[in-house]
Structure formats: C-alpha cells, structure tokens
Amino acid sequence: MGSWSYDVASDLVRFRRSKIMLCEQVLGKLHDFDTTGKTIEYVDIEWHEAFKKIHKKTTDKGTEVGIRMDDSILARGLYQDDVIYADDEKLVVVNTPPCEVIRVSLTSGHEKMSAKVCYEIGNRHAPLFWGENDTFITIYNEPMLVMLQKIHGVQAEKEVLKLDFDRRISAVSYTHLRAHETVLD
C-alpha cells in the first residue's frame, strides 16, 4: 500500500484563488433572515449528502459553492431552508430535493407490527421518518419495498416527496468520511 499525504495549506491557497464561494456554517433558517432586496440562491443537498462535511455544488443561479462544515454536521445534518451564506446582497440556502420513498402504514388491528417495521428498517441502516396520519417514511429501494410488503398487516407504497428532517425518527449519519475529501475533489 503506497503512502498518501495531504497538504492542507496548498489546498487552501488553490481554493482562495478560485471563484468558489466558501460556506462553513449553518447561520440559521431562511425565515429568520430579512430577505428584502437580497437574492436567494438555493443549493441542492440530496438526503444522502445531508450528513457530509464537504461538498462542491452549484446553486440554482450558477454560483459555485464549496461547503466545508465542522464535525457537528455529522450529527445535525444540512436541512431544507438552512442558510449557509449571507451577506448584504445574497443568501445561499439549502434545498432538499424530492426523492423516492416508501410510505408504510399499518392496517387496523396490526398496530403492534410497527415494532417489526422499525426493526427491519433500522436493521438495514435506512433513515426513518414520521409520515402523516400515523405512517412511516423511509428511503426507497426495491428490496426494502418487497420486504415491507411481505409483513402481515403492513401496507408499503412507493412515492416521491421531500423529506422533512424535523420529522426524523432515526437517520443515517455518514461518519466514515474519506480523510482526503476536499472541496476541490
């Protein structure tokens, strides 16, 4: 196995010379900011990217953004309407795009199967959210859908929707980041 080294100083110099906007913290939620006369640019962070510390993205208005968060993001995540950059003219705000999910509901008289549903989803290390009307939401994949549909008293259907991380029961956090991940990757 070869040796690998990483020069943080030269990486920072290259980054500063580029035209990438650097975002290093969550400043608050969009509703907490005065948006009068400011351009709001949205940057898409997919559900599976929400707990990563480092991203290189482009906003909906074409601004290149380097996102470099501290370790607290591994537990907190980046969510819909998080403001990650603000100045007198512009706000950069996180958008969590809709994704394919499985909505799980229990038929009347089978409410105790919720423990089985939660166990099976958690055993596959998939995030789990509260849905509307006593349902659960998890990320779609075909084997998960088939497995949930086989549980007696459980209905599982594929949908597309925006995940609401404020309604999460559990979430996968990506703590096994590569040591060499950089904004410039």
Protein backbone atom coordinates (compact mmCIF):
# COMPACT_ATOMS: atom_id res chain seq x y z
CA MET A 1 0.00 0.00 0.00
CA GLY A 2 1.51 3.36 -1.00
CA SER A 3 1.80 6.33 1.29
CA TRP A 4 -0.53 9.22 0.91
CA SER A 5 -0.12 12.76 2.15
CA TYR A 6 -2.32 15.78 2.04
CA ASP A 7 -1.11 19.37 2.11
CA VAL A 8 -3.87 21.47 3.68
CA ALA A 9 -2.01 24.74 3.16
CA SER A 10 -1.61 24.33 -0.61
CA ASP A 11 -5.23 23.20 -0.90
CA LEU A 12 -6.37 26.37 0.88
CA VAL A 13 -4.23 28.52 -1.40
CA ARG A 14 -5.76 26.87 -4.51
CA PHE A 15 -9.23 27.31 -3.03
CA ARG A 16 -8.73 31.01 -2.25
CA ARG A 17 -7.54 31.66 -5.82
CA SER A 18 -10.65 30.04 -7.26
CA LYS A 19 -14.01 31.79 -7.60
CA ILE A 20 -15.80 29.31 -5.37
CA MET A 21 -17.86 30.77 -2.52
CA LEU A 22 -16.95 29.09 0.78
CA CYS A 23 -19.71 28.18 3.25
CA GLU A 24 -18.55 26.90 6.63
CA GLN A 25 -21.53 27.01 8.98
CA VAL A 26 -25.29 26.95 9.24
CA LEU A 27 -26.29 30.54 10.03
CA GLY A 28 -29.95 29.81 10.76
CA LYS A 29 -33.19 29.15 8.92
CA LEU A 30 -34.42 31.24 5.99
CA HIS A 31 -37.45 32.50 7.96
CA ASP A 32 -35.02 34.08 10.49
CA PHE A 33 -33.45 36.39 7.88
CA ASP A 34 -34.57 39.68 6.36
CA THR A 35 -34.64 38.85 2.65
CA THR A 36 -35.65 42.34 1.49
CA GLY A 37 -33.59 43.28 -1.57
CA LYS A 38 -31.48 40.11 -1.39
CA THR A 39 -31.03 37.40 -3.97
CA ILE A 40 -31.81 33.95 -2.61
CA GLU A 41 -29.82 31.16 -4.22
CA TYR A 42 -30.66 27.53 -3.49
CA VAL A 43 -28.12 24.73 -3.41
CA ASP A 44 -29.44 21.17 -3.69
CA ILE A 45 -28.29 18.80 -0.96
CA GLU A 46 -29.70 15.31 -1.54
CA TRP A 47 -30.89 13.37 1.53
CA HIS A 48 -27.85 11.09 1.41
CA GLU A 49 -25.50 14.10 1.36
CA ALA A 50 -27.05 15.86 4.36
CA PHE A 51 -24.53 14.50 6.88
CA LYS A 52 -21.37 15.01 4.84
CA LYS A 53 -18.92 17.70 5.86
CA ILE A 54 -17.56 18.62 2.43
CA HIS A 55 -19.39 19.39 -0.82
CA LYS A 56 -18.71 21.19 -4.07
CA LYS A 57 -22.01 22.37 -5.55
CA THR A 58 -23.54 24.93 -7.90
CA THR A 59 -26.54 27.00 -6.83
CA ASP A 60 -29.68 27.40 -8.94
CA LYS A 61 -28.28 30.75 -10.09
CA GLY A 62 -24.91 29.28 -11.19
CA THR A 63 -22.69 30.25 -8.24
CA GLU A 64 -20.06 27.64 -7.39
CA VAL A 65 -20.18 26.86 -3.68
CA GLY A 66 -17.67 24.98 -1.55
CA ILE A 67 -19.28 23.69 1.63
CA ARG A 68 -16.91 22.79 4.46
CA MET A 69 -18.69 22.16 7.75
CA ASP A 70 -17.25 21.16 11.11
CA ASP A 71 -17.87 17.80 12.79
CA SER A 72 -21.19 18.93 14.28
CA ILE A 73 -22.80 18.48 10.84
CA LEU A 74 -22.26 14.72 11.15
CA ALA A 75 -24.99 14.63 13.81
CA ARG A 76 -27.08 17.68 12.81
CA GLY A 77 -27.12 17.46 9.01
CA LEU A 78 -27.99 20.10 6.40
CA TYR A 79 -31.72 20.59 6.01
CA GLN A 80 -34.28 22.41 3.90
CA ASP A 81 -34.04 26.20 4.32
CA ASP A 82 -30.74 26.17 6.26
CA VAL A 83 -28.88 29.37 5.38
CA ILE A 84 -25.20 28.61 4.81
CA TYR A 85 -24.10 32.00 3.44
CA ALA A 86 -25.37 35.53 3.95
CA ASP A 87 -24.14 39.00 3.02
CA ASP A 88 -25.83 42.30 2.17
CA GLU A 89 -26.84 41.11 -1.30
CA LYS A 90 -27.22 37.34 -1.23
CA LEU A 91 -28.30 34.32 0.80
CA VAL A 92 -27.34 30.76 -0.06
CA VAL A 93 -29.97 28.34 1.21
CA VAL A 94 -30.15 24.54 1.31
CA ASN A 95 -32.82 22.84 -0.78
CA THR A 96 -33.54 19.15 -0.16
CA PRO A 97 -34.98 17.89 -3.46
CA PRO A 98 -37.82 15.37 -3.51
CA CYS A 99 -36.74 11.73 -3.64
CA GLU A 100 -38.26 8.28 -3.94
CA VAL A 101 -39.53 6.99 -0.59
CA ILE A 102 -41.63 4.19 0.85
CA ARG A 103 -44.69 5.17 2.86
CA VAL A 104 -45.54 2.48 5.40
CA SER A 105 -48.93 2.22 7.09
CA LEU A 106 -50.41 -0.40 9.38
CA THR A 107 -53.84 -1.88 8.84
CA SER A 108 -56.30 -1.61 11.71
CA GLY A 109 -55.65 -4.21 14.38
CA HIS A 110 -51.99 -4.62 13.42
CA GLU A 111 -50.53 -1.58 15.21
CA LYS A 112 -48.04 -3.77 17.11
CA MET A 113 -46.34 -4.51 13.79
CA SER A 114 -44.83 -1.02 13.99
CA ALA A 115 -42.05 -2.56 16.12
CA LYS A 116 -41.28 -5.08 13.35
CA VAL A 117 -41.35 -2.35 10.69
CA CYS A 118 -38.98 -0.11 12.68
CA TYR A 119 -36.68 -3.05 13.45
CA GLU A 120 -36.44 -4.13 9.81
CA ILE A 121 -35.79 -0.61 8.53
CA GLY A 122 -33.22 0.08 11.25
CA ASN A 123 -31.53 -3.27 10.65
CA ARG A 124 -30.86 -2.10 7.09
CA HIS A 125 -29.42 1.20 8.38
CA ALA A 126 -32.03 3.20 6.49
CA PRO A 127 -33.31 6.54 7.79
CA LEU A 128 -36.82 6.55 9.24
CA PHE A 129 -39.27 9.45 9.42
CA TRP A 130 -42.76 10.04 10.81
CA GLY A 131 -45.25 10.46 7.99
CA GLU A 132 -48.71 11.98 8.06
CA ASN A 133 -51.68 10.07 9.52
CA ASP A 134 -49.67 7.58 11.58
CA THR A 135 -47.42 6.42 8.74
CA PHE A 136 -43.67 5.91 8.50
CA ILE A 137 -41.42 7.09 5.68
CA THR A 138 -38.12 5.53 4.63
CA ILE A 139 -35.88 5.81 1.59
CA TYR A 140 -36.95 3.71 -1.39
CA ASN A 141 -35.10 0.73 -2.68
CA GLU A 142 -36.80 -2.26 -4.26
CA PRO A 143 -35.62 -4.94 -1.78
CA MET A 144 -36.86 -2.80 1.13
CA LEU A 145 -40.26 -2.28 -0.52
CA VAL A 146 -40.66 -6.01 -1.22
CA MET A 147 -39.64 -6.93 2.34
CA LEU A 148 -42.07 -4.43 3.91
CA GLN A 149 -44.92 -5.58 1.67
CA LYS A 150 -44.44 -9.14 2.95
CA ILE A 151 -45.04 -8.18 6.60
CA HIS A 152 -48.58 -9.16 7.67
CA GLY A 153 -50.75 -6.12 8.41
CA VAL A 154 -48.39 -3.66 6.68
CA GLN A 155 -49.00 -1.63 3.55
CA ALA A 156 -45.95 -0.18 1.80
CA GLU A 157 -46.15 2.10 -1.24
CA LYS A 158 -43.57 3.94 -3.30
CA GLU A 159 -43.94 7.76 -3.50
CA VAL A 160 -41.87 10.81 -4.37
CA LEU A 161 -41.71 13.56 -1.75
CA LYS A 162 -39.46 15.99 0.09
CA LEU A 163 -38.08 14.55 3.30
CA ASP A 164 -38.75 16.61 6.42
CA PHE A 165 -35.73 16.04 8.65
CA ASP A 166 -37.59 17.66 11.55
CA ARG A 167 -39.79 14.53 11.48
CA ARG A 168 -36.98 12.00 11.53
CA ILE A 169 -37.06 9.14 13.97
CA SER A 170 -33.59 7.98 13.03
CA ALA A 171 -31.17 8.95 10.33
CA VAL A 172 -28.01 7.52 8.90
CA SER A 173 -25.00 9.70 9.63
CA TYR A 174 -22.04 9.35 7.38
CA THR A 175 -19.12 9.35 9.83
CA HIS A 176 -16.84 7.23 7.70
CA LEU A 177 -15.62 10.09 5.57
CA ARG A 178 -12.50 9.75 3.50
CA ALA A 179 -9.59 11.57 5.09
CA HIS A 180 -8.66 13.03 1.72
CA GLU A 181 -12.08 14.51 0.89
CA THR A 182 -11.63 18.14 -0.14
CA VAL A 183 -13.68 20.95 -1.57
CA LEU A 184 -11.58 20.62 -4.73
CA ASP A 185 -12.35 16.91 -5.37
